[in-house]
Amino acid sequence: MPNETTPHDILVRPLITEKALSNVKNATYMFEVDVRSNKHIIRNTVERLYNVQVSDVRIINVKGKPKRYGRSEGYSRSFKKAIVQLKTGFKIQELEGLI
C-alpha cells in the first residue's frame, strides 16, 4: 500500500446488511476494504480510526456475480470483505446506532 493512504482509503465502507447487523451484538463488524489491504493493515486501521482493540480479522474475496440487463451481459463488481471481531467490552458507537 502506498504511504499516503488514509484510513478511509483502506476501509471503503461498513457493510450494512441484515447478516452484518445481526453480528453487531457479538462485537463483530463487516467492512468493504481495499483489495490491496491485508489483515495487519485492516487491524491497525480499525484500531486507530475507532479507538478500539481488535481480537480477530477475517478476509473474504467476493467475486462478482453474472448480471443481465436485456441483451447486455456483464458482472457485478468484485470486492474484498473484512470481518472484524473486537475484544470484549469494546464497541463501535458509529455503527451501533444503525441497529
PDB file of N, CA and C in Angstrom:
ATOM      1  N   MET A   1       0.845  -1.164   0.000  1.00  0.00           N
ATOM      2  CA  MET A   1       0.000   0.000   0.000  1.00  0.00           C
ATOM      3  C   MET A   1       0.900   1.239   0.000  1.00  0.00           C
ATOM      4  N   PRO A   2       0.538   2.253  -0.737  1.00  0.00           N
ATOM      5  CA  PRO A   2       1.320   3.487  -0.710  1.00  0.00           C
ATOM      6  C   PRO A   2       1.258   4.142   0.671  1.00  0.00           C
ATOM      7  N   ASN A   3       2.295   4.903   0.995  1.00  0.00           N
ATOM      8  CA  ASN A   3       2.384   5.521   2.327  1.00  0.00           C
ATOM      9  C   ASN A   3       1.375   6.626   2.541  1.00  0.00           C
ATOM     10  N   GLU A   4       0.875   7.255   1.482  1.00  0.00           N
ATOM     11  CA  GLU A   4      -0.019   8.393   1.645  1.00  0.00           C
ATOM     12  C   GLU A   4      -1.499   7.993   1.709  1.00  0.00           C
ATOM     13  N   THR A   5      -1.797   6.753   2.070  1.00  0.00           N
ATOM     14  CA  THR A   5      -3.199   6.341   2.184  1.00  0.00           C
ATOM     15  C   THR A   5      -3.767   6.793   3.517  1.00  0.00           C
ATOM     16  N   THR A   6      -5.049   7.106   3.508  1.00  0.00           N
ATOM     17  CA  THR A   6      -5.754   7.471   4.729  1.00  0.00           C
ATOM     18  C   THR A   6      -6.556   6.267   5.199  1.00  0.00           C
ATOM     19  N   PRO A   7      -7.033   6.261   6.436  1.00  0.00           N
ATOM     20  CA  PRO A   7      -7.860   5.142   6.893  1.00  0.00           C
ATOM     21  C   PRO A   7      -9.116   4.945   6.040  1.00  0.00           C
ATOM     22  N   HIS A   8      -9.621   6.030   5.454  1.00  0.00           N
ATOM     23  CA  HIS A   8     -10.824   5.908   4.637  1.00  0.00           C
ATOM     24  C   HIS A   8     -10.526   5.332   3.260  1.00  0.00           C
ATOM     25  N   ASP A   9      -9.249   5.305   2.857  1.00  0.00           N
ATOM     26  CA  ASP A   9      -8.877   4.615   1.626  1.00  0.00           C
ATOM     27  C   ASP A   9      -8.837   3.110   1.847  1.00  0.00           C
ATOM     28  N   ILE A  10      -8.496   2.683   3.055  1.00  0.00           N
ATOM     29  CA  ILE A  10      -8.408   1.258   3.365  1.00  0.00           C
ATOM     30  C   ILE A  10      -9.782   0.690   3.688  1.00  0.00           C
ATOM     31  N   LEU A  11     -10.525   1.346   4.592  1.00  0.00           N
ATOM     32  CA  LEU A  11     -11.897   0.927   4.902  1.00  0.00           C
ATOM     33  C   LEU A  11     -12.825   1.702   3.966  1.00  0.00           C
ATOM     34  N   VAL A  12     -13.307   1.062   2.930  1.00  0.00           N
ATOM     35  CA  VAL A  12     -14.126   1.752   1.933  1.00  0.00           C
ATOM     36  C   VAL A  12     -15.466   2.144   2.530  1.00  0.00           C
ATOM     37  N   ARG A  13     -16.143   1.187   3.178  1.00  0.00           N
ATOM     38  CA  ARG A  13     -17.431   1.466   3.800  1.00  0.00           C
ATOM     39  C   ARG A  13     -17.807   0.305   4.709  1.00  0.00           C
ATOM     40  N   PRO A  14     -18.608   0.557   5.744  1.00  0.00           N
ATOM     41  CA  PRO A  14     -19.131  -0.561   6.533  1.00  0.00           C
ATOM     42  C   PRO A  14     -20.250  -1.239   5.747  1.00  0.00           C
ATOM     43  N   LEU A  15     -20.354  -2.537   5.877  1.00  0.00           N
ATOM     44  CA  LEU A  15     -21.414  -3.270   5.195  1.00  0.00           C
ATOM     45  C   LEU A  15     -22.645  -3.286   6.093  1.00  0.00           C
ATOM     46  N   ILE A  16     -23.724  -2.732   5.583  1.00  0.00           N
ATOM     47  CA  ILE A  16     -24.973  -2.617   6.332  1.00  0.00           C
ATOM     48  C   ILE A  16     -25.974  -3.586   5.707  1.00  0.00           C
ATOM     49  N   THR A  17     -25.836  -4.858   6.061  1.00  0.00           N
ATOM     50  CA  THR A  17     -26.769  -5.873   5.599  1.00  0.00           C
ATOM     51  C   THR A  17     -27.419  -6.511   6.821  1.00  0.00           C
ATOM     52  N   GLU A  18     -28.441  -7.287   6.588  1.00  0.00           N
ATOM     53  CA  GLU A  18     -29.131  -7.937   7.695  1.00  0.00           C
ATOM     54  C   GLU A  18     -28.194  -8.887   8.435  1.00  0.00           C
ATOM     55  N   LYS A  19     -27.383  -9.628   7.690  1.00  0.00           N
ATOM     56  CA  LYS A  19     -26.443 -10.558   8.308  1.00  0.00           C
ATOM     57  C   LYS A  19     -25.356  -9.813   9.084  1.00  0.00           C
ATOM     58  N   ALA A  20     -24.853  -8.718   8.523  1.00  0.00           N
ATOM     59  CA  ALA A  20     -23.805  -7.954   9.200  1.00  0.00           C
ATOM     60  C   ALA A  20     -24.325  -7.326  10.482  1.00  0.00           C
ATOM     61  N   LEU A  21     -25.535  -6.803  10.467  1.00  0.00           N
ATOM     62  CA  LEU A  21     -26.088  -6.147  11.655  1.00  0.00           C
ATOM     63  C   LEU A  21     -26.497  -7.145  12.729  1.00  0.00           C
ATOM     64  N   SER A  22     -26.781  -8.406  12.348  1.00  0.00           N
ATOM     65  CA  SER A  22     -27.134  -9.406  13.361  1.00  0.00           C
ATOM     66  C   SER A  22     -25.919  -9.792  14.206  1.00  0.00           C
ATOM     67  N   ASN A  23     -24.706  -9.594  13.668  1.00  0.00           N
ATOM     68  CA  ASN A  23     -23.493  -9.935  14.408  1.00  0.00           C
ATOM     69  C   ASN A  23     -22.947  -8.783  15.231  1.00  0.00           C
ATOM     70  N   VAL A  24     -23.551  -7.597  15.138  1.00  0.00           N
ATOM     71  CA  VAL A  24     -23.051  -6.431  15.877  1.00  0.00           C
ATOM     72  C   VAL A  24     -23.144  -6.661  17.379  1.00  0.00           C
ATOM     73  N   LYS A  25     -24.144  -7.375  17.842  1.00  0.00           N
ATOM     74  CA  LYS A  25     -24.276  -7.622  19.283  1.00  0.00           C
ATOM     75  C   LYS A  25     -23.131  -8.493  19.811  1.00  0.00           C
ATOM     76  N   ASN A  26     -22.445  -9.222  18.941  1.00  0.00           N
ATOM     77  CA  ASN A  26     -21.278 -10.012  19.329  1.00  0.00           C
ATOM     78  C   ASN A  26     -19.976  -9.245  19.111  1.00  0.00           C
ATOM     79  N   ALA A  27     -20.065  -7.939  18.866  1.00  0.00           N
ATOM     80  CA  ALA A  27     -18.912  -7.069  18.597  1.00  0.00           C
ATOM     81  C   ALA A  27     -18.170  -7.508  17.341  1.00  0.00           C
ATOM     82  N   THR A  28     -18.923  -7.951  16.325  1.00  0.00           N
ATOM     83  CA  THR A  28     -18.361  -8.339  15.037  1.00  0.00           C
ATOM     84  C   THR A  28     -18.909  -7.394  13.990  1.00  0.00           C
ATOM     85  N   TYR A  29     -18.012  -6.770  13.226  1.00  0.00           N
ATOM     86  CA  TYR A  29     -18.401  -5.778  12.225  1.00  0.00           C
ATOM     87  C   TYR A  29     -17.825  -6.169  10.879  1.00  0.00           C
ATOM     88  N   MET A  30     -18.561  -5.835   9.806  1.00  0.00           N
ATOM     89  CA  MET A  30     -18.109  -6.133   8.451  1.00  0.00           C
ATOM     90  C   MET A  30     -17.836  -4.836   7.706  1.00  0.00           C
ATOM     91  N   PHE A  31     -16.727  -4.827   6.959  1.00  0.00           N
ATOM     92  CA  PHE A  31     -16.334  -3.674   6.177  1.00  0.00           C
ATOM     93  C   PHE A  31     -15.961  -4.115   4.772  1.00  0.00           C
ATOM     94  N   GLU A  32     -16.251  -3.259   3.792  1.00  0.00           N
ATOM     95  CA  GLU A  32     -15.662  -3.430   2.475  1.00  0.00           C
ATOM     96  C   GLU A  32     -14.319  -2.720   2.536  1.00  0.00           C
ATOM     97  N   VAL A  33     -13.259  -3.426   2.137  1.00  0.00           N
ATOM     98  CA  VAL A  33     -11.912  -2.876   2.255  1.00  0.00           C
ATOM     99  C   VAL A  33     -11.242  -2.835   0.891  1.00  0.00           C
ATOM    100  N   ASP A  34     -10.131  -2.107   0.823  1.00  0.00           N
ATOM    101  CA  ASP A  34      -9.350  -2.025  -0.401  1.00  0.00           C
ATOM    102  C   ASP A  34      -8.796  -3.402  -0.740  1.00  0.00           C
ATOM    103  N   VAL A  35      -8.779  -3.745  -2.026  1.00  0.00           N
ATOM    104  CA  VAL A  35      -8.372  -5.085  -2.441  1.00  0.00           C
ATOM    105  C   VAL A  35      -6.888  -5.344  -2.192  1.00  0.00           C
ATOM    106  N   ARG A  36      -6.094  -4.297  -1.991  1.00  0.00           N
ATOM    107  CA  ARG A  36      -4.656  -4.457  -1.753  1.00  0.00           C
ATOM    108  C   ARG A  36      -4.320  -4.555  -0.275  1.00  0.00           C
ATOM    109  N   SER A  37      -5.286  -4.411   0.610  1.00  0.00           N
ATOM    110  CA  SER A  37      -5.014  -4.421   2.051  1.00  0.00           C
ATOM    111  C   SER A  37      -4.933  -5.856   2.576  1.00  0.00           C
ATOM    112  N   ASN A  38      -4.254  -6.006   3.720  1.00  0.00           N
ATOM    113  CA  ASN A  38      -4.156  -7.311   4.367  1.00  0.00           C
ATOM    114  C   ASN A  38      -4.663  -7.207   5.810  1.00  0.00           C
ATOM    115  N   LYS A  39      -4.577  -8.307   6.555  1.00  0.00           N
ATOM    116  CA  LYS A  39      -5.143  -8.345   7.905  1.00  0.00           C
ATOM    117  C   LYS A  39      -4.462  -7.355   8.849  1.00  0.00           C
ATOM    118  N   HIS A  40      -3.149  -7.217   8.746  1.00  0.00           N
ATOM    119  CA  HIS A  40      -2.428  -6.309   9.646  1.00  0.00           C
ATOM    120  C   HIS A  40      -2.821  -4.854   9.398  1.00  0.00           C
ATOM    121  N   ILE A  41      -2.928  -4.487   8.135  1.00  0.00           N
ATOM    122  CA  ILE A  41      -3.317  -3.113   7.793  1.00  0.00           C
ATOM    123  C   ILE A  41      -4.734  -2.830   8.267  1.00  0.00           C
ATOM    124  N   ILE A  42      -5.644  -3.772   8.060  1.00  0.00           N
ATOM    125  CA  ILE A  42      -7.039  -3.591   8.464  1.00  0.00           C
ATOM    126  C   ILE A  42      -7.135  -3.480   9.985  1.00  0.00           C
ATOM    127  N   ARG A  43      -6.416  -4.336  10.718  1.00  0.00           N
ATOM    128  CA  ARG A  43      -6.434  -4.301  12.178  1.00  0.00           C
ATOM    129  C   ARG A  43      -5.957  -2.946  12.691  1.00  0.00           C
ATOM    130  N   ASN A  44      -4.830  -2.472  12.181  1.00  0.00           N
ATOM    131  CA  ASN A  44      -4.283  -1.191  12.640  1.00  0.00           C
ATOM    132  C   ASN A  44      -5.200  -0.030  12.285  1.00  0.00           C
ATOM    133  N   THR A  45      -5.826  -0.081  11.120  1.00  0.00           N
ATOM    134  CA  THR A  45      -6.713   0.998  10.692  1.00  0.00           C
ATOM    135  C   THR A  45      -7.953   1.078  11.569  1.00  0.00           C
ATOM    136  N   VAL A  46      -8.581  -0.060  11.859  1.00  0.00           N
ATOM    137  CA  VAL A  46      -9.786  -0.071  12.699  1.00  0.00           C
ATOM    138  C   VAL A  46      -9.442   0.395  14.111  1.00  0.00           C
ATOM    139  N   GLU A  47      -8.318  -0.039  14.635  1.00  0.00           N
ATOM    140  CA  GLU A  47      -7.931   0.363  15.986  1.00  0.00           C
ATOM    141  C   GLU A  47      -7.668   1.864  16.072  1.00  0.00           C
ATOM    142  N   ARG A  48      -7.009   2.445  15.058  1.00  0.00           N
ATOM    143  CA  ARG A  48      -6.726   3.881  15.076  1.00  0.00           C
ATOM    144  C   ARG A  48      -7.970   4.715  14.812  1.00  0.00           C
ATOM    145  N   LEU A  49      -8.806   4.292  13.857  1.00  0.00           N
ATOM    146  CA  LEU A  49      -9.953   5.094  13.437  1.00  0.00           C
ATOM    147  C   LEU A  49     -11.055   5.099  14.497  1.00  0.00           C
ATOM    148  N   TYR A  50     -11.347   3.945  15.105  1.00  0.00           N
ATOM    149  CA  TYR A  50     -12.468   3.841  16.041  1.00  0.00           C
ATOM    150  C   TYR A  50     -12.041   3.758  17.499  1.00  0.00           C
ATOM    151  N   ASN A  51     -10.731   3.746  17.800  1.00  0.00           N
ATOM    152  CA  ASN A  51     -10.216   3.716  19.161  1.00  0.00           C
ATOM    153  C   ASN A  51     -10.726   2.487  19.921  1.00  0.00           C
ATOM    154  N   VAL A  52     -10.558   1.312  19.330  1.00  0.00           N
ATOM    155  CA  VAL A  52     -10.968   0.038  19.916  1.00  0.00           C
ATOM    156  C   VAL A  52      -9.789  -0.932  19.816  1.00  0.00           C
ATOM    157  N   GLN A  53      -9.936  -2.113  20.422  1.00  0.00           N
ATOM    158  CA  GLN A  53      -8.937  -3.169  20.302  1.00  0.00           C
ATOM    159  C   GLN A  53      -9.544  -4.331  19.538  1.00  0.00           C
ATOM    160  N   VAL A  54      -8.844  -4.807  18.521  1.00  0.00           N
ATOM    161  CA  VAL A  54      -9.328  -5.872  17.640  1.00  0.00           C
ATOM    162  C   VAL A  54      -8.721  -7.191  18.094  1.00  0.00           C
ATOM    163  N   SER A  55      -9.563  -8.231  18.173  1.00  0.00           N
ATOM    164  CA  SER A  55      -9.054  -9.549  18.540  1.00  0.00           C
ATOM    165  C   SER A  55      -8.858 -10.443  17.322  1.00  0.00           C
ATOM    166  N   ASP A  56      -9.648 -10.263  16.258  1.00  0.00           N
ATOM    167  CA  ASP A  56      -9.542 -11.153  15.095  1.00  0.00           C
ATOM    168  C   ASP A  56     -10.001 -10.427  13.839  1.00  0.00           C
ATOM    169  N   VAL A  57      -9.354 -10.734  12.717  1.00  0.00           N
ATOM    170  CA  VAL A  57      -9.742 -10.192  11.418  1.00  0.00           C
ATOM    171  C   VAL A  57      -9.796 -11.357  10.435  1.00  0.00           C
ATOM    172  N   ARG A  58     -10.911 -11.478   9.745  1.00  0.00           N
ATOM    173  CA  ARG A  58     -11.059 -12.481   8.693  1.00  0.00           C
ATOM    174  C   ARG A  58     -11.350 -11.758   7.387  1.00  0.00           C
ATOM    175  N   ILE A  59     -10.826 -12.269   6.284  1.00  0.00           N
ATOM    176  CA  ILE A  59     -10.955 -11.610   4.983  1.00  0.00           C
ATOM    177  C   ILE A  59     -11.580 -12.573   3.982  1.00  0.00           C
ATOM    178  N   ILE A  60     -12.494 -12.028   3.166  1.00  0.00           N
ATOM    179  CA  ILE A  60     -13.159 -12.799   2.120  1.00  0.00           C
ATOM    180  C   ILE A  60     -13.090 -11.994   0.830  1.00  0.00           C
ATOM    181  N   ASN A  61     -12.649 -12.641  -0.253  1.00  0.00           N
ATOM    182  CA  ASN A  61     -12.705 -12.026  -1.572  1.00  0.00           C
ATOM    183  C   ASN A  61     -14.026 -12.420  -2.219  1.00  0.00           C
ATOM    184  N   VAL A  62     -14.894 -11.454  -2.472  1.00  0.00           N
ATOM    185  CA  VAL A  62     -16.218 -11.709  -3.029  1.00  0.00           C
ATOM    186  C   VAL A  62     -16.145 -11.484  -4.535  1.00  0.00           C
ATOM    187  N   LYS A  63     -16.416 -12.534  -5.295  1.00  0.00           N
ATOM    188  CA  LYS A  63     -16.374 -12.418  -6.742  1.00  0.00           C
ATOM    189  C   LYS A  63     -17.680 -11.830  -7.262  1.00  0.00           C
ATOM    190  N   GLY A  64     -17.603 -11.096  -8.370  1.00  0.00           N
ATOM    191  CA  GLY A  64     -18.785 -10.521  -8.994  1.00  0.00           C
ATOM    192  C   GLY A  64     -19.679 -11.593  -9.582  1.00  0.00           C
ATOM    193  N   LYS A  65     -20.980 -11.387  -9.480  1.00  0.00           N
ATOM    194  CA  LYS A  65     -21.942 -12.349  -9.993  1.00  0.00           C
ATOM    195  C   LYS A  65     -22.346 -11.966 -11.410  1.00  0.00           C
ATOM    196  N   PRO A  66     -22.687 -12.938 -12.249  1.00  0.00           N
ATOM    197  CA  PRO A  66     -23.138 -12.591 -13.596  1.00  0.00           C
ATOM    198  C   PRO A  66     -24.481 -11.856 -13.549  1.00  0.00           C
ATOM    199  N   LYS A  67     -24.590 -10.806 -14.305  1.00  0.00           N
ATOM    200  CA  LYS A  67     -25.801  -9.990 -14.349  1.00  0.00           C
ATOM    201  C   LYS A  67     -26.201  -9.778 -15.800  1.00  0.00           C
ATOM    202  N   ARG A  68     -27.486  -9.556 -16.005  1.00  0.00           N
ATOM    203  CA  ARG A  68     -28.019  -9.304 -17.341  1.00  0.00           C
ATOM    204  C   ARG A  68     -28.975  -8.147 -17.303  1.00  0.00           C
ATOM    205  N   TYR A  69     -28.901  -7.320 -18.322  1.00  0.00           N
ATOM    206  CA  TYR A  69     -29.864  -6.244 -18.489  1.00  0.00           C
ATOM    207  C   TYR A  69     -30.254  -6.254 -19.958  1.00  0.00           C
ATOM    208  N   GLY A  70     -31.409  -6.858 -20.244  1.00  0.00           N
ATOM    209  CA  GLY A  70     -31.805  -7.025 -21.645  1.00  0.00           C
ATOM    210  C   GLY A  70     -30.852  -7.978 -22.336  1.00  0.00           C
ATOM    211  N   ARG A  71     -30.264  -7.555 -23.443  1.00  0.00           N
ATOM    212  CA  ARG A  71     -29.296  -8.397 -24.149  1.00  0.00           C
ATOM    213  C   ARG A  71     -27.877  -8.194 -23.645  1.00  0.00           C
ATOM    214  N   SER A  72     -27.660  -7.187 -22.842  1.00  0.00           N
ATOM    215  CA  SER A  72     -26.316  -6.907 -22.330  1.00  0.00           C
ATOM    216  C   SER A  72     -26.004  -7.835 -21.167  1.00  0.00           C
ATOM    217  N   GLU A  73     -24.829  -8.432 -21.218  1.00  0.00           N
ATOM    218  CA  GLU A  73     -24.376  -9.297 -20.142  1.00  0.00           C
ATOM    219  C   GLU A  73     -23.115  -8.727 -19.531  1.00  0.00           C
ATOM    220  N   GLY A  74     -22.948  -8.963 -18.249  1.00  0.00           N
ATOM    221  CA  GLY A  74     -21.757  -8.490 -17.560  1.00  0.00           C
ATOM    222  C   GLY A  74     -21.688  -9.096 -16.180  1.00  0.00           C
ATOM    223  N   TYR A  75     -20.900  -8.479 -15.332  1.00  0.00           N
ATOM    224  CA  TYR A  75     -20.719  -8.957 -13.971  1.00  0.00           C
ATOM    225  C   TYR A  75     -20.854  -7.789 -13.008  1.00  0.00           C
ATOM    226  N   SER A  76     -21.362  -8.081 -11.819  1.00  0.00           N
ATOM    227  CA  SER A  76     -21.313  -7.067 -10.773  1.00  0.00           C
ATOM    228  C   SER A  76     -19.860  -6.981 -10.298  1.00  0.00           C
ATOM    229  N   ARG A  77     -19.528  -5.934  -9.591  1.00  0.00           N
ATOM    230  CA  ARG A  77     -18.124  -5.732  -9.246  1.00  0.00           C
ATOM    231  C   ARG A  77     -17.676  -6.683  -8.135  1.00  0.00           C
ATOM    232  N   SER A  78     -16.421  -7.044  -8.173  1.00  0.00           N
ATOM    233  CA  SER A  78     -15.816  -7.856  -7.126  1.00  0.00           C
ATOM    234  C   SER A  78     -15.257  -6.931  -6.051  1.00  0.00           C
ATOM    235  N   PHE A  79     -15.198  -7.414  -4.807  1.00  0.00           N
ATOM    236  CA  PHE A  79     -14.647  -6.613  -3.728  1.00  0.00           C
ATOM    237  C   PHE A  79     -14.107  -7.523  -2.636  1.00  0.00           C
ATOM    238  N   LYS A  80     -13.375  -6.932  -1.696  1.00  0.00           N
ATOM    239  CA  LYS A  80     -12.828  -7.653  -0.559  1.00  0.00           C
ATOM    240  C   LYS A  80     -13.600  -7.244   0.688  1.00  0.00           C
ATOM    241  N   LYS A  81     -14.000  -8.238   1.489  1.00  0.00           N
ATOM    242  CA  LYS A  81     -14.777  -8.004   2.698  1.00  0.00           C
ATOM    243  C   LYS A  81     -13.949  -8.431   3.903  1.00  0.00           C
ATOM    244  N   ALA A  82     -13.954  -7.609   4.951  1.00  0.00           N
ATOM    245  CA  ALA A  82     -13.248  -7.930   6.187  1.00  0.00           C
ATOM    246  C   ALA A  82     -14.260  -8.063   7.313  1.00  0.00           C
ATOM    247  N   ILE A  83     -14.135  -9.139   8.078  1.00  0.00           N
ATOM    248  CA  ILE A  83     -14.964  -9.359   9.253  1.00  0.00           C
ATOM    249  C   ILE A  83     -14.064  -9.128  10.468  1.00  0.00           C
ATOM    250  N   VAL A  84     -14.387  -8.097  11.247  1.00  0.00           N
ATOM    251  CA  VAL A  84     -13.534  -7.658  12.355  1.00  0.00           C
ATOM    252  C   VAL A  84     -14.225  -7.989  13.669  1.00  0.00           C
ATOM    253  N   GLN A  85     -13.549  -8.774  14.501  1.00  0.00           N
ATOM    254  CA  GLN A  85     -14.043  -9.129  15.839  1.00  0.00           C
ATOM    255  C   GLN A  85     -13.302  -8.285  16.854  1.00  0.00           C
ATOM    256  N   LEU A  86     -14.036  -7.565  17.698  1.00  0.00           N
ATOM    257  CA  LEU A  86     -13.426  -6.723  18.715  1.00  0.00           C
ATOM    258  C   LEU A  86     -13.274  -7.500  20.018  1.00  0.00           C
ATOM    259  N   LYS A  87     -12.352  -7.039  20.855  1.00  0.00           N
ATOM    260  CA  LYS A  87     -12.186  -7.645  22.175  1.00  0.00           C
ATOM    261  C   LYS A  87     -13.396  -7.305  23.040  1.00  0.00           C
ATOM    262  N   THR A  88     -13.626  -8.087  24.073  1.00  0.00           N
ATOM    263  CA  THR A  88     -14.809  -7.880  24.911  1.00  0.00           C
ATOM    264  C   THR A  88     -14.759  -6.516  25.570  1.00  0.00           C
ATOM    265  N   GLY A  89     -15.915  -5.878  25.600  1.00  0.00           N
ATOM    266  CA  GLY A  89     -16.031  -4.564  26.214  1.00  0.00           C
ATOM    267  C   GLY A  89     -15.888  -3.414  25.232  1.00  0.00           C
ATOM    268  N   PHE A  90     -15.512  -3.679  23.998  1.00  0.00           N
ATOM    269  CA  PHE A  90     -15.350  -2.624  23.008  1.00  0.00           C
ATOM    270  C   PHE A  90     -16.498  -2.658  22.010  1.00  0.00           C
ATOM    271  N   LYS A  91     -16.925  -1.475  21.567  1.00  0.00           N
ATOM    272  CA  LYS A  91     -17.973  -1.324  20.562  1.00  0.00           C
ATOM    273  C   LYS A  91     -17.611  -0.164  19.663  1.00  0.00           C
ATOM    274  N   ILE A  92     -18.140  -0.182  18.449  1.00  0.00           N
ATOM    275  CA  ILE A  92     -18.006   0.949  17.537  1.00  0.00           C
ATOM    276  C   ILE A  92     -19.319   1.711  17.599  1.00  0.00           C
ATOM    277  N   GLN A  93     -19.324   2.852  18.287  1.00  0.00           N
ATOM    278  CA  GLN A  93     -20.552   3.595  18.546  1.00  0.00           C
ATOM    279  C   GLN A  93     -21.218   4.090  17.259  1.00  0.00           C
ATOM    280  N   GLU A  94     -20.419   4.421  16.233  1.00  0.00           N
ATOM    281  CA  GLU A  94     -20.990   4.920  14.978  1.00  0.00           C
ATOM    282  C   GLU A  94     -21.851   3.864  14.293  1.00  0.00           C
ATOM    283  N   LEU A  95     -21.477   2.594  14.445  1.00  0.00           N
ATOM    284  CA  LEU A  95     -22.231   1.514  13.806  1.00  0.00           C
ATOM    285  C   LEU A  95     -23.302   0.943  14.720  1.00  0.00           C
ATOM    286  N   GLU A  96     -23.212   1.186  16.006  1.00  0.00           N
ATOM    287  CA  GLU A  96     -24.237   0.698  16.941  1.00  0.00           C
ATOM    288  C   GLU A  96     -25.565   1.404  16.714  1.00  0.00           C
ATOM    289  N   GLY A  97     -25.553   2.622  16.259  1.00  0.00           N
ATOM    290  CA  GLY A  97     -26.781   3.383  16.039  1.00  0.00           C
ATOM    291  C   GLY A  97     -27.585   2.919  14.843  1.00  0.00           C
ATOM    292  N   LEU A  98     -27.022   2.024  14.023  1.00  0.00           N
ATOM    293  CA  LEU A  98     -27.727   1.552  12.833  1.00  0.00           C
ATOM    294  C   LEU A  98     -28.680   0.410  13.127  1.00  0.00           C
ATOM    295  N   ILE A  99     -28.596  -0.152  14.309  1.00  0.00           N
ATOM    296  CA  ILE A  99     -29.448  -1.312  14.622  1.00  0.00           C
ATOM    297  C   ILE A  99     -30.860  -0.849  14.915  1.00  0.00           C
TER     298      ILE A  99
END
